[in-house]
């Protein structure tokens, strides 16, 4: 598939997405857009994890911001280290800014020696509460693993935003001290536990006191 221009509900500040990993994502998030958008039409995301070798012929260009693994989790616990290092080393051949986002952020630490400082590392914190919506590590575990990560460019994605405890999630975000926070809502009618608009607006207001907030278009539905 090669590089794809960003569209739809993707981050507007990302220029392209690139998905070099094939196979099933083991996080099995109930709200996953891949499940509803493609309904099994993409055989690439079935079966065991593997490197999509044709993707390693892709010219990634230069001066781009590329989200690597937008359709799966490159740093998932089921992905062999050799596959991850192959992807990272391939990206490093092209002078771009890469976004690596994972719900298993403790895996980032394994590869910090080959992740350039200009790359953005991100994790998803939909809430601080334990809703049974996926097989991914609990959000508290993600927070613990991400807060100790020694990397200069960190991002938090709160999407799809679920009802949360304001002071608790703010304390997590302050401790992580991200470069910016992206906030978005459920786009696929998954009937999730969404917070009221007043709570979201308060969260945005408080985060802006110490970081940058990037509000996605899909959030306006509940604002």
Protein backbone atom coordinates (compact mmCIF):
# COMPACT_ATOMS: atom_id res chain seq x y z
CA UNK A 1 0.00 0.00 0.00
CA UNK A 2 2.96 2.34 0.53
CA UNK A 3 2.55 5.84 1.88
CA UNK A 4 -0.99 7.13 2.29
CA UNK A 5 -1.99 10.76 2.50
CA UNK A 6 -3.88 11.50 5.70
CA UNK A 7 -7.62 11.98 5.47
CA UNK A 8 -10.79 11.24 7.36
CA UNK A 9 -10.29 11.15 11.13
CA UNK A 10 -6.49 11.03 11.08
CA UNK A 11 -4.36 13.60 12.89
CA UNK A 12 -4.45 16.74 10.70
CA UNK A 13 -0.82 17.57 11.54
CA UNK A 14 0.38 14.22 10.14
CA UNK A 15 1.12 14.28 6.42
CA UNK A 16 1.18 10.54 5.74
CA UNK A 17 0.58 7.11 7.28
CA UNK A 18 2.63 3.98 6.64
CA UNK A 19 1.76 0.46 7.77
CA UNK A 20 4.62 -2.01 7.33
CA UNK A 21 3.20 -4.59 9.75
CA UNK A 22 0.64 -7.20 8.75
CA UNK A 23 -1.39 -9.51 10.96
CA UNK A 24 -4.02 -9.23 13.66
CA UNK A 25 -3.73 -6.59 16.37
CA UNK A 26 -3.97 -8.39 19.70
CA UNK A 27 -5.26 -5.37 21.61
CA UNK A 28 -8.73 -6.12 20.21
CA UNK A 29 -10.15 -2.70 21.14
CA UNK A 30 -13.94 -2.66 20.95
CA UNK A 31 -13.94 0.73 19.24
CA UNK A 32 -11.24 -0.07 16.65
CA UNK A 33 -11.97 1.77 13.41
CA UNK A 34 -10.32 -1.02 11.42
CA UNK A 35 -13.05 -3.44 12.48
CA UNK A 36 -15.91 -1.22 11.34
CA UNK A 37 -14.29 0.55 8.42
CA UNK A 38 -13.07 -2.51 6.56
CA UNK A 39 -15.12 -5.41 7.94
CA UNK A 40 -12.50 -7.99 7.11
CA UNK A 41 -11.87 -6.80 3.57
CA UNK A 42 -8.19 -6.23 4.29
CA UNK A 43 -6.55 -9.65 4.47
CA UNK A 44 -3.35 -7.87 5.40
CA UNK A 45 -4.61 -7.52 8.97
CA UNK A 46 -5.52 -11.16 9.49
CA UNK A 47 -3.40 -13.98 10.90
CA UNK A 48 -0.03 -13.93 12.63
CA UNK A 49 2.07 -10.81 12.85
CA UNK A 50 4.55 -10.40 10.02
CA UNK A 51 6.54 -7.79 8.18
CA UNK A 52 4.89 -6.68 4.94
CA UNK A 53 8.03 -6.94 2.81
CA UNK A 54 6.61 -4.96 -0.09
CA UNK A 55 6.33 -1.98 2.24
CA UNK A 56 10.11 -2.00 2.62
CA UNK A 57 10.33 -0.85 -0.99
CA UNK A 58 8.46 2.35 -0.13
CA UNK A 59 10.17 5.68 -0.71
CA UNK A 60 9.37 7.54 2.49
CA UNK A 61 10.73 10.80 1.10
CA UNK A 62 11.84 13.66 3.30
CA UNK A 63 10.50 16.55 5.38
CA UNK A 64 7.29 14.67 6.12
CA UNK A 65 5.49 13.75 9.33
CA UNK A 66 4.62 10.07 9.06
CA UNK A 67 2.47 8.02 11.44
CA UNK A 68 4.03 4.56 11.38
CA UNK A 69 1.52 1.82 12.22
CA UNK A 70 -1.73 3.78 12.14
CA UNK A 71 -3.67 0.54 11.51
CA UNK A 72 -2.04 -1.60 14.20
CA UNK A 73 0.41 -1.32 17.10
CA UNK A 74 4.02 -1.60 15.97
CA UNK A 75 5.14 -1.96 19.60
CA UNK A 76 2.51 -4.50 20.66
CA UNK A 77 3.71 -7.29 22.95
CA UNK A 78 3.20 -9.85 20.16
CA UNK A 79 5.50 -8.08 17.66
CA UNK A 80 9.01 -9.60 17.53
CA UNK A 81 11.85 -7.21 18.34
CA UNK A 82 13.51 -7.98 15.03
CA UNK A 83 10.48 -6.69 13.12
CA UNK A 84 10.40 -3.48 15.15
CA UNK A 85 14.11 -2.79 14.73
CA UNK A 86 13.86 -3.47 10.99
CA UNK A 87 11.08 -0.89 10.69
CA UNK A 88 12.90 1.70 12.78
CA UNK A 89 16.14 1.30 10.87
CA UNK A 90 14.28 1.61 7.56
CA UNK A 91 12.60 4.82 8.72
CA UNK A 92 15.93 6.23 9.82
CA UNK A 93 17.15 6.13 6.22
CA UNK A 94 14.69 8.90 5.36
CA UNK A 95 14.88 12.36 7.02
CA UNK A 96 11.34 12.69 8.29
CA UNK A 97 9.57 13.15 11.61
CA UNK A 98 7.95 9.87 12.60
CA UNK A 99 5.09 9.32 15.02
CA UNK A 100 5.10 6.01 16.89
CA UNK A 101 2.00 5.50 19.02
CA UNK A 102 1.47 2.48 21.24
CA UNK A 103 -0.82 1.18 23.97
CA UNK A 104 2.20 -0.77 25.14
CA UNK A 105 4.60 2.14 25.74
CA UNK A 106 7.03 0.20 27.92
CA UNK A 107 8.25 -1.37 24.67
CA UNK A 108 9.61 2.01 23.52
CA UNK A 109 12.42 1.76 26.08
CA UNK A 110 13.85 -1.26 24.26
CA UNK A 111 14.54 0.82 21.15
CA UNK A 112 15.45 4.29 22.41
CA UNK A 113 18.99 3.89 21.06
CA UNK A 114 17.69 3.80 17.48
CA UNK A 115 14.75 6.23 17.78
CA UNK A 116 15.95 9.74 16.83
CA UNK A 117 15.20 12.55 19.26
CA UNK A 118 13.04 14.40 16.71
CA UNK A 119 10.59 11.49 16.49
CA UNK A 120 7.37 11.65 18.48
CA UNK A 121 6.47 8.85 20.90
CA UNK A 122 2.85 8.64 21.96
CA UNK A 123 0.48 6.57 24.01
CA UNK A 124 -3.29 6.47 24.29
CA UNK A 125 -5.00 7.36 27.57
CA UNK A 126 -8.72 7.25 26.83
CA UNK A 127 -9.47 7.64 30.54
CA UNK A 128 -7.97 6.96 33.95
CA UNK A 129 -10.69 4.43 34.72
CA UNK A 130 -10.79 0.68 34.01
CA UNK A 131 -13.41 0.19 31.35
CA UNK A 132 -13.41 -3.27 29.77
CA UNK A 133 -12.93 -2.15 26.20
CA UNK A 134 -9.73 -3.90 25.07
CA UNK A 135 -6.98 -6.41 25.79
CA UNK A 136 -4.35 -3.64 25.85
CA UNK A 137 -2.50 -2.78 29.07
CA UNK A 138 -4.65 -0.78 31.48
CA UNK A 139 -4.34 2.98 31.17
CA UNK A 140 -2.66 3.21 34.59
CA UNK A 141 0.01 0.79 33.39
CA UNK A 142 0.50 2.85 30.22
CA UNK A 143 0.89 5.97 32.35
CA UNK A 144 3.48 4.31 34.61
CA UNK A 145 5.51 3.05 31.66
CA UNK A 146 5.30 6.29 29.69
CA UNK A 147 6.08 8.72 32.49
CA UNK A 148 9.52 7.17 33.09
CA UNK A 149 10.43 7.09 29.40
CA UNK A 150 13.43 9.31 28.67
CA UNK A 151 12.56 10.89 25.34
CA UNK A 152 12.23 14.62 24.54
CA UNK A 153 9.12 14.48 22.35
CA UNK A 154 6.05 12.85 23.91
CA UNK A 155 2.42 13.03 22.92
CA UNK A 156 -0.74 11.80 24.64
CA UNK A 157 -3.80 10.79 22.65
CA UNK A 158 -7.11 10.90 24.52
CA UNK A 159 -9.21 9.19 21.88
CA UNK A 160 -11.87 8.06 22.02
CA UNK A 161 -12.29 10.11 25.17
CA UNK A 162 -14.12 8.14 27.87
CA UNK A 163 -15.55 9.49 31.10
CA UNK A 164 -12.73 10.20 33.53
CA UNK A 165 -11.82 11.66 36.91
CA UNK A 166 -10.55 15.14 36.12
CA UNK A 167 -7.94 15.60 38.82
CA UNK A 168 -6.53 12.11 38.39
CA UNK A 169 -6.08 12.24 34.63
CA UNK A 170 -4.68 15.78 34.89
CA UNK A 171 -2.09 14.56 37.39
CA UNK A 172 -1.03 11.84 34.94
CA UNK A 173 -0.70 14.30 32.08
CA UNK A 174 1.28 16.81 34.16
CA UNK A 175 3.73 14.12 35.25
CA UNK A 176 4.24 12.88 31.69
CA UNK A 177 4.71 16.50 30.57
CA UNK A 178 3.88 15.90 26.89
CA UNK A 179 4.72 18.25 24.06
CA UNK A 180 1.04 18.20 23.22
CA UNK A 181 -2.21 16.34 23.88
CA UNK A 182 -4.61 15.28 21.12
CA UNK A 183 -8.25 14.81 22.14
CA UNK A 184 -10.87 13.11 19.98
CA UNK A 185 -14.18 11.26 20.25
CA UNK A 186 -15.63 7.98 19.10
CA UNK A 187 -16.39 8.18 15.38
CA UNK A 188 -18.05 4.80 14.86
CA UNK A 189 -21.08 4.82 17.19
CA UNK A 190 -19.69 2.30 19.65
CA UNK A 191 -21.88 3.47 22.54
CA UNK A 192 -18.94 4.22 24.80
CA UNK A 193 -18.94 5.86 28.25
CA UNK A 194 -18.46 9.44 27.07
CA UNK A 195 -18.00 12.38 29.45
CA UNK A 196 -20.26 15.44 29.41
CA UNK A 197 -19.13 18.46 27.44
CA UNK A 198 -18.53 20.49 30.60
CA UNK A 199 -15.98 17.97 31.84
CA UNK A 200 -14.14 17.87 28.52
CA UNK A 201 -14.01 21.65 28.31
CA UNK A 202 -12.57 21.81 31.80
CA UNK A 203 -9.94 19.22 30.87
CA UNK A 204 -8.93 21.24 27.81
CA UNK A 205 -8.78 24.45 29.84
CA UNK A 206 -6.54 22.90 32.50
CA UNK A 207 -4.17 21.17 30.06
CA UNK A 208 -3.65 24.45 28.21
CA UNK A 209 -2.09 25.85 31.37
CA UNK A 210 0.99 23.65 30.89
CA UNK A 211 0.84 22.05 27.43
CA UNK A 212 -0.65 22.32 23.94
CA UNK A 213 -4.05 20.81 23.14
CA UNK A 214 -4.97 19.65 19.64
CA UNK A 215 -8.71 19.12 19.36
CA UNK A 216 -9.83 16.75 16.62
CA UNK A 217 -12.88 17.55 14.53
CA UNK A 218 -14.76 14.50 15.79
CA UNK A 219 -14.74 15.93 19.32
CA UNK A 220 -17.17 18.70 18.34
CA UNK A 221 -19.99 16.13 18.38
CA UNK A 222 -19.87 16.02 22.18
CA UNK A 223 -18.67 19.55 22.86
